[in-house]
Amino acid sequence: MGPNTLDVTSIPERYRPSVDNLPGDVQLLAEAVESSFPGMGVPIAMVLSKRFGGSPLYIRKQNGALLKWRNDQIRAMYDGGGITGRQLAWYWQLSQSMIEKILADHG
């Protein structure tokens, strides 16, 4: 990149705004990232803002991988023995019927 090109990833930390000083939805993005990746909220939000700023953007939920992992964990715990469907329901905060469905689908 040339010297006149602004690259948000190369901004020294002392020039980065705080999460509280980011505008609107960019602040929400930074807070969400920061909760899982401390110290990364502002730079990642700035990159996303630069790339998508001004455009309408709808972000779909990506639960598929998380649900597959959860369901595989439930199956592994059940197959390992020593735990009932009721205990799994309590542990995963799901209904017993949902646990039964997950076990039936993965059986």
PDB file of N, CA and C in Angstrom:
ATOM      1  N   MET A   1       0.832  -1.178   0.000  1.00  0.00           N
ATOM      2  CA  MET A   1       0.000   0.000   0.000  1.00  0.00           C
ATOM      3  C   MET A   1       0.877   1.240   0.000  1.00  0.00           C
ATOM      4  N   GLY A   2       0.425   2.225  -0.714  1.00  0.00           N
ATOM      5  CA  GLY A   2       1.170   3.473  -0.797  1.00  0.00           C
ATOM      6  C   GLY A   2       1.026   4.301   0.472  1.00  0.00           C
ATOM      7  N   PRO A   3       1.830   5.336   0.615  1.00  0.00           N
ATOM      8  CA  PRO A   3       1.807   6.140   1.834  1.00  0.00           C
ATOM      9  C   PRO A   3       0.497   6.910   2.014  1.00  0.00           C
ATOM     10  N   ASN A   4      -0.277   7.108   0.963  1.00  0.00           N
ATOM     11  CA  ASN A   4      -1.528   7.862   1.075  1.00  0.00           C
ATOM     12  C   ASN A   4      -2.745   6.953   1.257  1.00  0.00           C
ATOM     13  N   THR A   5      -2.512   5.647   1.354  1.00  0.00           N
ATOM     14  CA  THR A   5      -3.609   4.701   1.529  1.00  0.00           C
ATOM     15  C   THR A   5      -3.803   4.436   3.018  1.00  0.00           C
ATOM     16  N   LEU A   6      -5.032   4.594   3.470  1.00  0.00           N
ATOM     17  CA  LEU A   6      -5.319   4.337   4.878  1.00  0.00           C
ATOM     18  C   LEU A   6      -5.623   2.864   5.086  1.00  0.00           C
ATOM     19  N   ASP A   7      -4.846   2.236   5.925  1.00  0.00           N
ATOM     20  CA  ASP A   7      -5.041   0.834   6.268  1.00  0.00           C
ATOM     21  C   ASP A   7      -5.289   0.779   7.767  1.00  0.00           C
ATOM     22  N   VAL A   8      -6.517   0.452   8.149  1.00  0.00           N
ATOM     23  CA  VAL A   8      -6.862   0.495   9.573  1.00  0.00           C
ATOM     24  C   VAL A   8      -6.067  -0.497  10.409  1.00  0.00           C
ATOM     25  N   THR A   9      -5.523  -1.533   9.783  1.00  0.00           N
ATOM     26  CA  THR A   9      -4.747  -2.504  10.553  1.00  0.00           C
ATOM     27  C   THR A   9      -3.366  -1.982  10.929  1.00  0.00           C
ATOM     28  N   SER A  10      -2.926  -0.926  10.275  1.00  0.00           N
ATOM     29  CA  SER A  10      -1.594  -0.396  10.584  1.00  0.00           C
ATOM     30  C   SER A  10      -1.643   0.848  11.466  1.00  0.00           C
ATOM     31  N   ILE A  11      -2.818   1.224  11.930  1.00  0.00           N
ATOM     32  CA  ILE A  11      -2.932   2.381  12.813  1.00  0.00           C
ATOM     33  C   ILE A  11      -2.330   2.020  14.170  1.00  0.00           C
ATOM     34  N   PRO A  12      -1.361   2.796  14.649  1.00  0.00           N
ATOM     35  CA  PRO A  12      -0.794   2.512  15.971  1.00  0.00           C
ATOM     36  C   PRO A  12      -1.886   2.541  17.044  1.00  0.00           C
ATOM     37  N   GLU A  13      -1.718   1.726  18.053  1.00  0.00           N
ATOM     38  CA  GLU A  13      -2.729   1.590  19.095  1.00  0.00           C
ATOM     39  C   GLU A  13      -3.086   2.924  19.742  1.00  0.00           C
ATOM     40  N   ARG A  14      -2.126   3.809  19.878  1.00  0.00           N
ATOM     41  CA  ARG A  14      -2.412   5.091  20.540  1.00  0.00           C
ATOM     42  C   ARG A  14      -3.366   5.969  19.740  1.00  0.00           C
ATOM     43  N   TYR A  15      -3.554   5.665  18.431  1.00  0.00           N
ATOM     44  CA  TYR A  15      -4.477   6.431  17.595  1.00  0.00           C
ATOM     45  C   TYR A  15      -5.854   5.769  17.481  1.00  0.00           C
ATOM     46  N   ARG A  16      -5.967   4.551  17.964  1.00  0.00           N
ATOM     47  CA  ARG A  16      -7.248   3.855  17.874  1.00  0.00           C
ATOM     48  C   ARG A  16      -8.229   4.442  18.879  1.00  0.00           C
ATOM     49  N   PRO A  17      -9.476   4.615  18.465  1.00  0.00           N
ATOM     50  CA  PRO A  17     -10.476   5.096  19.427  1.00  0.00           C
ATOM     51  C   PRO A  17     -10.811   4.003  20.435  1.00  0.00           C
ATOM     52  N   SER A  18     -11.377   4.401  21.540  1.00  0.00           N
ATOM     53  CA  SER A  18     -11.873   3.405  22.490  1.00  0.00           C
ATOM     54  C   SER A  18     -13.199   2.875  21.960  1.00  0.00           C
ATOM     55  N   VAL A  19     -13.640   1.762  22.500  1.00  0.00           N
ATOM     56  CA  VAL A  19     -14.922   1.192  22.089  1.00  0.00           C
ATOM     57  C   VAL A  19     -16.027   2.236  22.255  1.00  0.00           C
ATOM     58  N   ASP A  20     -15.994   2.977  23.357  1.00  0.00           N
ATOM     59  CA  ASP A  20     -17.031   3.969  23.647  1.00  0.00           C
ATOM     60  C   ASP A  20     -17.044   5.130  22.654  1.00  0.00           C
ATOM     61  N   ASN A  21     -15.956   5.331  21.938  1.00  0.00           N
ATOM     62  CA  ASN A  21     -15.887   6.437  20.983  1.00  0.00           C
ATOM     63  C   ASN A  21     -16.201   6.017  19.554  1.00  0.00           C
ATOM     64  N   LEU A  22     -16.577   4.771  19.356  1.00  0.00           N
ATOM     65  CA  LEU A  22     -16.956   4.312  18.017  1.00  0.00           C
ATOM     66  C   LEU A  22     -18.426   4.651  17.777  1.00  0.00           C
ATOM     67  N   PRO A  23     -18.779   4.923  16.524  1.00  0.00           N
ATOM     68  CA  PRO A  23     -20.163   5.299  16.236  1.00  0.00           C
ATOM     69  C   PRO A  23     -21.109   4.102  16.121  1.00  0.00           C
ATOM     70  N   GLY A  24     -22.324   4.265  16.631  1.00  0.00           N
ATOM     71  CA  GLY A  24     -23.446   3.357  16.423  1.00  0.00           C
ATOM     72  C   GLY A  24     -23.149   1.875  16.395  1.00  0.00           C
ATOM     73  N   ASP A  25     -23.461   1.259  15.247  1.00  0.00           N
ATOM     74  CA  ASP A  25     -23.327  -0.187  15.100  1.00  0.00           C
ATOM     75  C   ASP A  25     -21.875  -0.653  15.149  1.00  0.00           C
ATOM     76  N   VAL A  26     -20.944   0.225  14.820  1.00  0.00           N
ATOM     77  CA  VAL A  26     -19.523  -0.143  14.888  1.00  0.00           C
ATOM     78  C   VAL A  26     -19.150  -0.400  16.349  1.00  0.00           C
ATOM     79  N   GLN A  27     -19.730   0.375  17.244  1.00  0.00           N
ATOM     80  CA  GLN A  27     -19.501   0.157  18.675  1.00  0.00           C
ATOM     81  C   GLN A  27     -20.070  -1.194  19.105  1.00  0.00           C
ATOM     82  N   LEU A  28     -21.256  -1.544  18.606  1.00  0.00           N
ATOM     83  CA  LEU A  28     -21.844  -2.841  18.938  1.00  0.00           C
ATOM     84  C   LEU A  28     -20.970  -3.988  18.445  1.00  0.00           C
ATOM     85  N   LEU A  29     -20.435  -3.846  17.237  1.00  0.00           N
ATOM     86  CA  LEU A  29     -19.523  -4.870  16.710  1.00  0.00           C
ATOM     87  C   LEU A  29     -18.298  -5.012  17.593  1.00  0.00           C
ATOM     88  N   ALA A  30     -17.702  -3.875  17.947  1.00  0.00           N
ATOM     89  CA  ALA A  30     -16.495  -3.898  18.777  1.00  0.00           C
ATOM     90  C   ALA A  30     -16.764  -4.558  20.125  1.00  0.00           C
ATOM     91  N   GLU A  31     -17.907  -4.235  20.739  1.00  0.00           N
ATOM     92  CA  GLU A  31     -18.252  -4.831  22.030  1.00  0.00           C
ATOM     93  C   GLU A  31     -18.437  -6.339  21.907  1.00  0.00           C
ATOM     94  N   ALA A  32     -19.082  -6.781  20.821  1.00  0.00           N
ATOM     95  CA  ALA A  32     -19.304  -8.216  20.623  1.00  0.00           C
ATOM     96  C   ALA A  32     -17.990  -8.952  20.435  1.00  0.00           C
ATOM     97  N   VAL A  33     -17.098  -8.403  19.625  1.00  0.00           N
ATOM     98  CA  VAL A  33     -15.799  -9.035  19.391  1.00  0.00           C
ATOM     99  C   VAL A  33     -14.976  -9.016  20.674  1.00  0.00           C
ATOM    100  N   GLU A  34     -14.999  -7.898  21.356  1.00  0.00           N
ATOM    101  CA  GLU A  34     -14.204  -7.725  22.575  1.00  0.00           C
ATOM    102  C   GLU A  34     -14.593  -8.748  23.649  1.00  0.00           C
ATOM    103  N   SER A  35     -15.879  -9.124  23.705  1.00  0.00           N
ATOM    104  CA  SER A  35     -16.320 -10.066  24.733  1.00  0.00           C
ATOM    105  C   SER A  35     -15.712 -11.455  24.540  1.00  0.00           C
ATOM    106  N   SER A  36     -15.373 -11.805  23.307  1.00  0.00           N
ATOM    107  CA  SER A  36     -14.763 -13.114  23.053  1.00  0.00           C
ATOM    108  C   SER A  36     -13.259 -13.035  22.792  1.00  0.00           C
ATOM    109  N   PHE A  37     -12.818 -11.893  22.280  1.00  0.00           N
ATOM    110  CA  PHE A  37     -11.405 -11.711  21.929  1.00  0.00           C
ATOM    111  C   PHE A  37     -10.915 -10.384  22.486  1.00  0.00           C
ATOM    112  N   PRO A  38     -10.582 -10.355  23.781  1.00  0.00           N
ATOM    113  CA  PRO A  38     -10.156  -9.104  24.407  1.00  0.00           C
ATOM    114  C   PRO A  38      -8.994  -8.446  23.659  1.00  0.00           C
ATOM    115  N   GLY A  39      -9.138  -7.143  23.467  1.00  0.00           N
ATOM    116  CA  GLY A  39      -8.114  -6.370  22.782  1.00  0.00           C
ATOM    117  C   GLY A  39      -8.275  -6.309  21.270  1.00  0.00           C
ATOM    118  N   MET A  40      -9.200  -7.095  20.732  1.00  0.00           N
ATOM    119  CA  MET A  40      -9.377  -7.162  19.281  1.00  0.00           C
ATOM    120  C   MET A  40     -10.640  -6.456  18.788  1.00  0.00           C
ATOM    121  N   GLY A  41     -11.505  -6.019  19.698  1.00  0.00           N
ATOM    122  CA  GLY A  41     -12.779  -5.437  19.316  1.00  0.00           C
ATOM    123  C   GLY A  41     -12.672  -4.233  18.403  1.00  0.00           C
ATOM    124  N   VAL A  42     -11.884  -3.246  18.807  1.00  0.00           N
ATOM    125  CA  VAL A  42     -11.770  -2.015  18.023  1.00  0.00           C
ATOM    126  C   VAL A  42     -11.115  -2.267  16.668  1.00  0.00           C
ATOM    127  N   PRO A  43      -9.956  -2.942  16.594  1.00  0.00           N
ATOM    128  CA  PRO A  43      -9.355  -3.130  15.272  1.00  0.00           C
ATOM    129  C   PRO A  43     -10.237  -3.931  14.307  1.00  0.00           C
ATOM    130  N   ILE A  44     -10.889  -4.968  14.802  1.00  0.00           N
ATOM    131  CA  ILE A  44     -11.737  -5.772  13.918  1.00  0.00           C
ATOM    132  C   ILE A  44     -12.961  -4.971  13.487  1.00  0.00           C
ATOM    133  N   ALA A  45     -13.578  -4.239  14.421  1.00  0.00           N
ATOM    134  CA  ALA A  45     -14.726  -3.405  14.069  1.00  0.00           C
ATOM    135  C   ALA A  45     -14.326  -2.339  13.038  1.00  0.00           C
ATOM    136  N   MET A  46     -13.129  -1.792  13.168  1.00  0.00           N
ATOM    137  CA  MET A  46     -12.666  -0.783  12.216  1.00  0.00           C
ATOM    138  C   MET A  46     -12.459  -1.388  10.827  1.00  0.00           C
ATOM    139  N   VAL A  47     -11.917  -2.599  10.777  1.00  0.00           N
ATOM    140  CA  VAL A  47     -11.735  -3.275   9.486  1.00  0.00           C
ATOM    141  C   VAL A  47     -13.093  -3.532   8.841  1.00  0.00           C
ATOM    142  N   LEU A  48     -14.041  -4.047   9.610  1.00  0.00           N
ATOM    143  CA  LEU A  48     -15.375  -4.315   9.074  1.00  0.00           C
ATOM    144  C   LEU A  48     -16.062  -3.022   8.645  1.00  0.00           C
ATOM    145  N   SER A  49     -15.881  -1.978   9.428  1.00  0.00           N
ATOM    146  CA  SER A  49     -16.477  -0.685   9.094  1.00  0.00           C
ATOM    147  C   SER A  49     -15.900  -0.133   7.798  1.00  0.00           C
ATOM    148  N   LYS A  50     -14.590  -0.259   7.636  1.00  0.00           N
ATOM    149  CA  LYS A  50     -13.971   0.234   6.404  1.00  0.00           C
ATOM    150  C   LYS A  50     -14.455  -0.566   5.198  1.00  0.00           C
ATOM    151  N   ARG A  51     -14.562  -1.877   5.353  1.00  0.00           N
ATOM    152  CA  ARG A  51     -14.954  -2.736   4.242  1.00  0.00           C
ATOM    153  C   ARG A  51     -16.425  -2.615   3.888  1.00  0.00           C
ATOM    154  N   PHE A  52     -17.299  -2.545   4.894  1.00  0.00           N
ATOM    155  CA  PHE A  52     -18.733  -2.575   4.649  1.00  0.00           C
ATOM    156  C   PHE A  52     -19.456  -1.278   4.985  1.00  0.00           C
ATOM    157  N   GLY A  53     -18.737  -0.278   5.464  1.00  0.00           N
ATOM    158  CA  GLY A  53     -19.350   0.983   5.866  1.00  0.00           C
ATOM    159  C   GLY A  53     -20.183   1.604   4.754  1.00  0.00           C
ATOM    160  N   GLY A  54     -21.377   2.020   5.094  1.00  0.00           N
ATOM    161  CA  GLY A  54     -22.262   2.670   4.140  1.00  0.00           C
ATOM    162  C   GLY A  54     -23.120   1.725   3.318  1.00  0.00           C
ATOM    163  N   SER A  55     -22.875   0.429   3.427  1.00  0.00           N
ATOM    164  CA  SER A  55     -23.669  -0.520   2.643  1.00  0.00           C
ATOM    165  C   SER A  55     -24.668  -1.224   3.563  1.00  0.00           C
ATOM    166  N   PRO A  56     -25.844  -1.536   3.014  1.00  0.00           N
ATOM    167  CA  PRO A  56     -26.788  -2.293   3.843  1.00  0.00           C
ATOM    168  C   PRO A  56     -26.248  -3.707   4.024  1.00  0.00           C
ATOM    169  N   LEU A  57     -26.258  -4.175   5.215  1.00  0.00           N
ATOM    170  CA  LEU A  57     -25.669  -5.479   5.503  1.00  0.00           C
ATOM    171  C   LEU A  57     -26.571  -6.228   6.458  1.00  0.00           C
ATOM    172  N   TYR A  58     -26.911  -7.434   6.085  1.00  0.00           N
ATOM    173  CA  TYR A  58     -27.675  -8.319   6.961  1.00  0.00           C
ATOM    174  C   TYR A  58     -26.759  -9.482   7.296  1.00  0.00           C
ATOM    175  N   ILE A  59     -26.544  -9.723   8.562  1.00  0.00           N
ATOM    176  CA  ILE A  59     -25.656 -10.798   8.981  1.00  0.00           C
ATOM    177  C   ILE A  59     -26.510 -11.955   9.481  1.00  0.00           C
ATOM    178  N   ARG A  60     -26.429 -13.057   8.765  1.00  0.00           N
ATOM    179  CA  ARG A  60     -27.199 -14.248   9.144  1.00  0.00           C
ATOM    180  C   ARG A  60     -26.545 -14.933  10.326  1.00  0.00           C
ATOM    181  N   LYS A  61     -27.352 -15.557  11.146  1.00  0.00           N
ATOM    182  CA  LYS A  61     -26.818 -16.357  12.249  1.00  0.00           C
ATOM    183  C   LYS A  61     -26.124 -17.580  11.670  1.00  0.00           C
ATOM    184  N   GLN A  62     -25.047 -17.955  12.282  1.00  0.00           N
ATOM    185  CA  GLN A  62     -24.288 -19.131  11.863  1.00  0.00           C
ATOM    186  C   GLN A  62     -24.303 -20.158  12.986  1.00  0.00           C
ATOM    187  N   ASN A  63     -25.472 -20.691  13.257  1.00  0.00           N
ATOM    188  CA  ASN A  63     -25.612 -21.641  14.354  1.00  0.00           C
ATOM    189  C   ASN A  63     -25.303 -23.074  13.952  1.00  0.00           C
ATOM    190  N   GLY A  64     -25.222 -23.351  12.668  1.00  0.00           N
ATOM    191  CA  GLY A  64     -25.067 -24.728  12.199  1.00  0.00           C
ATOM    192  C   GLY A  64     -23.887 -25.451  12.813  1.00  0.00           C
ATOM    193  N   ALA A  65     -22.710 -24.862  12.740  1.00  0.00           N
ATOM    194  CA  ALA A  65     -21.508 -25.511  13.274  1.00  0.00           C
ATOM    195  C   ALA A  65     -21.594 -25.650  14.789  1.00  0.00           C
ATOM    196  N   LEU A  66     -22.100 -24.634  15.456  1.00  0.00           N
ATOM    197  CA  LEU A  66     -22.215 -24.676  16.908  1.00  0.00           C
ATOM    198  C   LEU A  66     -23.195 -25.760  17.344  1.00  0.00           C
ATOM    199  N   LEU A  67     -24.331 -25.862  16.652  1.00  0.00           N
ATOM    200  CA  LEU A  67     -25.309 -26.883  17.003  1.00  0.00           C
ATOM    201  C   LEU A  67     -24.789 -28.284  16.713  1.00  0.00           C
ATOM    202  N   LYS A  68     -24.061 -28.445  15.623  1.00  0.00           N
ATOM    203  CA  LYS A  68     -23.484 -29.760  15.314  1.00  0.00           C
ATOM    204  C   LYS A  68     -22.508 -30.159  16.411  1.00  0.00           C
ATOM    205  N   TRP A  69     -21.651 -29.213  16.821  1.00  0.00           N
ATOM    206  CA  TRP A  69     -20.692 -29.495  17.895  1.00  0.00           C
ATOM    207  C   TRP A  69     -21.435 -29.873  19.183  1.00  0.00           C
ATOM    208  N   ARG A  70     -22.454 -29.072  19.543  1.00  0.00           N
ATOM    209  CA  ARG A  70     -23.219 -29.357  20.759  1.00  0.00           C
ATOM    210  C   ARG A  70     -23.850 -30.743  20.696  1.00  0.00           C
ATOM    211  N   ASN A  71     -24.491 -31.040  19.566  1.00  0.00           N
ATOM    212  CA  ASN A  71     -25.162 -32.327  19.429  1.00  0.00           C
ATOM    213  C   ASN A  71     -24.172 -33.491  19.478  1.00  0.00           C
ATOM    214  N   ASP A  72     -23.009 -33.312  18.875  1.00  0.00           N
ATOM    215  CA  ASP A  72     -21.974 -34.349  18.941  1.00  0.00           C
ATOM    216  C   ASP A  72     -21.477 -34.533  20.379  1.00  0.00           C
ATOM    217  N   GLN A  73     -21.384 -33.435  21.129  1.00  0.00           N
ATOM    218  CA  GLN A  73     -20.970 -33.522  22.529  1.00  0.00           C
ATOM    219  C   GLN A  73     -22.017 -34.272  23.349  1.00  0.00           C
ATOM    220  N   ILE A  74     -23.282 -33.981  23.085  1.00  0.00           N
ATOM    221  CA  ILE A  74     -24.364 -34.675  23.780  1.00  0.00           C
ATOM    222  C   ILE A  74     -24.299 -36.172  23.491  1.00  0.00           C
ATOM    223  N   ARG A  75     -24.128 -36.503  22.223  1.00  0.00           N
ATOM    224  CA  ARG A  75     -24.050 -37.924  21.832  1.00  0.00           C
ATOM    225  C   ARG A  75     -22.849 -38.589  22.508  1.00  0.00           C
ATOM    226  N   ALA A  76     -21.695 -37.929  22.511  1.00  0.00           N
ATOM    227  CA  ALA A  76     -20.487 -38.506  23.112  1.00  0.00           C
ATOM    228  C   ALA A  76     -20.665 -38.704  24.619  1.00  0.00           C
ATOM    229  N   MET A  77     -21.279 -37.740  25.280  1.00  0.00           N
ATOM    230  CA  MET A  77     -21.515 -37.873  26.717  1.00  0.00           C
ATOM    231  C   MET A  77     -22.450 -39.040  26.996  1.00  0.00           C
ATOM    232  N   TYR A  78     -23.489 -39.167  26.196  1.00  0.00           N
ATOM    233  CA  TYR A  78     -24.462 -40.244  26.380  1.00  0.00           C
ATOM    234  C   TYR A  78     -23.814 -41.601  26.097  1.00  0.00           C
ATOM    235  N   ASP A  79     -23.078 -41.675  24.986  1.00  0.00           N
ATOM    236  CA  ASP A  79     -22.415 -42.932  24.618  1.00  0.00           C
ATOM    237  C   ASP A  79     -21.341 -43.331  25.622  1.00  0.00           C
ATOM    238  N   GLY A  80     -20.756 -42.351  26.292  1.00  0.00           N
ATOM    239  CA  GLY A  80     -19.736 -42.628  27.298  1.00  0.00           C
ATOM    240  C   GLY A  80     -20.308 -43.300  28.538  1.00  0.00           C
ATOM    241  N   GLY A  81     -21.622 -43.221  28.683  1.00  0.00           N
ATOM    242  CA  GLY A  81     -22.284 -43.868  29.817  1.00  0.00           C
ATOM    243  C   GLY A  81     -22.238 -43.034  31.072  1.00  0.00           C
ATOM    244  N   GLY A  82     -23.042 -43.445  32.007  1.00  0.00           N
ATOM    245  CA  GLY A  82     -23.044 -42.788  33.307  1.00  0.00           C
ATOM    246  C   GLY A  82     -23.829 -41.497  33.359  1.00  0.00           C
ATOM    247  N   ILE A  83     -24.541 -41.158  32.298  1.00  0.00           N
ATOM    248  CA  ILE A  83     -25.335 -39.936  32.304  1.00  0.00           C
ATOM    249  C   ILE A  83     -26.663 -40.209  31.604  1.00  0.00           C
ATOM    250  N   THR A  84     -27.709 -39.707  32.178  1.00  0.00           N
ATOM    251  CA  THR A  84     -29.041 -39.933  31.622  1.00  0.00           C
ATOM    252  C   THR A  84     -29.464 -38.773  30.723  1.00  0.00           C
ATOM    253  N   GLY A  85     -30.530 -39.013  29.986  1.00  0.00           N
ATOM    254  CA  GLY A  85     -31.090 -37.942  29.163  1.00  0.00           C
ATOM    255  C   GLY A  85     -31.530 -36.757  29.998  1.00  0.00           C
ATOM    256  N   ARG A  86     -32.076 -37.057  31.162  1.00  0.00           N
ATOM    257  CA  ARG A  86     -32.508 -35.982  32.068  1.00  0.00           C
ATOM    258  C   ARG A  86     -31.321 -35.146  32.541  1.00  0.00           C
ATOM    259  N   GLN A  87     -30.225 -35.804  32.876  1.00  0.00           N
ATOM    260  CA  GLN A  87     -29.017 -35.077  33.302  1.00  0.00           C
ATOM    261  C   GLN A  87     -28.445 -34.258  32.152  1.00  0.00           C
ATOM    262  N   LEU A  88     -28.473 -34.820  30.958  1.00  0.00           N
ATOM    263  CA  LEU A  88     -28.006 -34.072  29.784  1.00  0.00           C
ATOM    264  C   LEU A  88     -28.865 -32.834  29.551  1.00  0.00           C
ATOM    265  N   ALA A  89     -30.177 -32.986  29.711  1.00  0.00           N
ATOM    266  CA  ALA A  89     -31.084 -31.854  29.532  1.00  0.00           C
ATOM    267  C   ALA A  89     -30.737 -30.739  30.516  1.00  0.00           C
ATOM    268  N   TRP A  90     -30.486 -31.097  31.765  1.00  0.00           N
ATOM    269  CA  TRP A  90     -30.121 -30.107  32.765  1.00  0.00           C
ATOM    270  C   TRP A  90     -28.779 -29.458  32.420  1.00  0.00           C
ATOM    271  N   TYR A  91     -27.801 -30.287  32.075  1.00  0.00           N
ATOM    272  CA  TYR A  91     -26.456 -29.798  31.772  1.00  0.00           C
ATOM    273  C   TYR A  91     -26.456 -28.817  30.596  1.00  0.00           C
ATOM    274  N   TRP A  92     -27.156 -29.165  29.536  1.00  0.00           N
ATOM    275  CA  TRP A  92     -27.173 -28.340  28.320  1.00  0.00           C
ATOM    276  C   TRP A  92     -28.318 -27.337  28.310  1.00  0.00           C
ATOM    277  N   GLN A  93     -29.110 -27.318  29.347  1.00  0.00           N
ATOM    278  CA  GLN A  93     -30.253 -26.407  29.468  1.00  0.00           C
ATOM    279  C   GLN A  93     -31.213 -26.563  28.293  1.00  0.00           C
ATOM    280  N   LEU A  94     -31.532 -27.810  28.014  1.00  0.00           N
ATOM    281  CA  LEU A  94     -32.483 -28.163  26.961  1.00  0.00           C
ATOM    282  C   LEU A  94     -33.584 -29.000  27.587  1.00  0.00           C
ATOM    283  N   SER A  95     -34.683 -29.135  26.862  1.00  0.00           N
ATOM    284  CA  SER A  95     -35.753 -30.011  27.346  1.00  0.00           C
ATOM    285  C   SER A  95     -35.328 -31.464  27.142  1.00  0.00           C
ATOM    286  N   GLN A  96     -35.920 -32.331  27.909  1.00  0.00           N
ATOM    287  CA  GLN A  96     -35.609 -33.748  27.776  1.00  0.00           C
ATOM    288  C   GLN A  96     -36.035 -34.250  26.395  1.00  0.00           C
ATOM    289  N   SER A  97     -37.136 -33.724  25.875  1.00  0.00           N
ATOM    290  CA  SER A  97     -37.576 -34.145  24.533  1.00  0.00           C
ATOM    291  C   SER A  97     -36.571 -33.702  23.461  1.00  0.00           C
ATOM    292  N   MET A  98     -35.937 -32.547  23.655  1.00  0.00           N
ATOM    293  CA  MET A  98     -34.916 -32.103  22.693  1.00  0.00           C
ATOM    294  C   MET A  98     -33.700 -33.024  22.758  1.00  0.00           C
ATOM    295  N   ILE A  99     -33.306 -33.415  23.945  1.00  0.00           N
ATOM    296  CA  ILE A  99     -32.195 -34.363  24.097  1.00  0.00           C
ATOM    297  C   ILE A  99     -32.539 -35.675  23.399  1.00  0.00           C
ATOM    298  N   GLU A 100     -33.748 -36.156  23.598  1.00  0.00           N
ATOM    299  CA  GLU A 100     -34.167 -37.407  22.961  1.00  0.00           C
ATOM    300  C   GLU A 100     -34.133 -37.282  21.439  1.00  0.00           C
ATOM    301  N   LYS A 101     -34.550 -36.138  20.928  1.00  0.00           N
ATOM    302  CA  LYS A 101     -34.515 -35.910  19.479  1.00  0.00           C
ATOM    303  C   LYS A 101     -33.083 -35.908  18.965  1.00  0.00           C
ATOM    304  N   ILE A 102     -32.197 -35.221  19.678  1.00  0.00           N
ATOM    305  CA  ILE A 102     -30.776 -35.168  19.286  1.00  0.00           C
ATOM    306  C   ILE A 102     -30.179 -36.570  19.292  1.00  0.00           C
ATOM    307  N   LEU A 103     -30.457 -37.343  20.333  1.00  0.00           N
ATOM    308  CA  LEU A 103     -29.919 -38.700  20.423  1.00  0.00           C
ATOM    309  C   LEU A 103     -30.484 -39.596  19.325  1.00  0.00           C
ATOM    310  N   ALA A 104     -31.744 -39.411  18.998  1.00  0.00           N
ATOM    311  CA  ALA A 104     -32.364 -40.214  17.930  1.00  0.00           C
ATOM    312  C   ALA A 104     -31.788 -39.847  16.561  1.00  0.00           C
ATOM    313  N   ASP A 105     -31.524 -38.561  16.352  1.00  0.00           N
ATOM    314  CA  ASP A 105     -30.975 -38.107  15.075  1.00  0.00           C
ATOM    315  C   ASP A 105     -29.533 -38.533  14.873  1.00  0.00           C
ATOM    316  N   HIS A 106     -28.810 -38.725  15.951  1.00  0.00           N
ATOM    317  CA  HIS A 106     -27.401 -39.089  15.869  1.00  0.00           C
ATOM    318  C   HIS A 106     -27.169 -40.566  16.126  1.00  0.00           C
ATOM    319  N   GLY A 107     -28.245 -41.307  16.253  1.00  0.00           N
ATOM    320  CA  GLY A 107     -28.112 -42.727  16.597  1.00  0.00           C
ATOM    321  C   GLY A 107     -27.831 -43.527  15.411  1.00  0.00           C
TER     322      GLY A 107
END
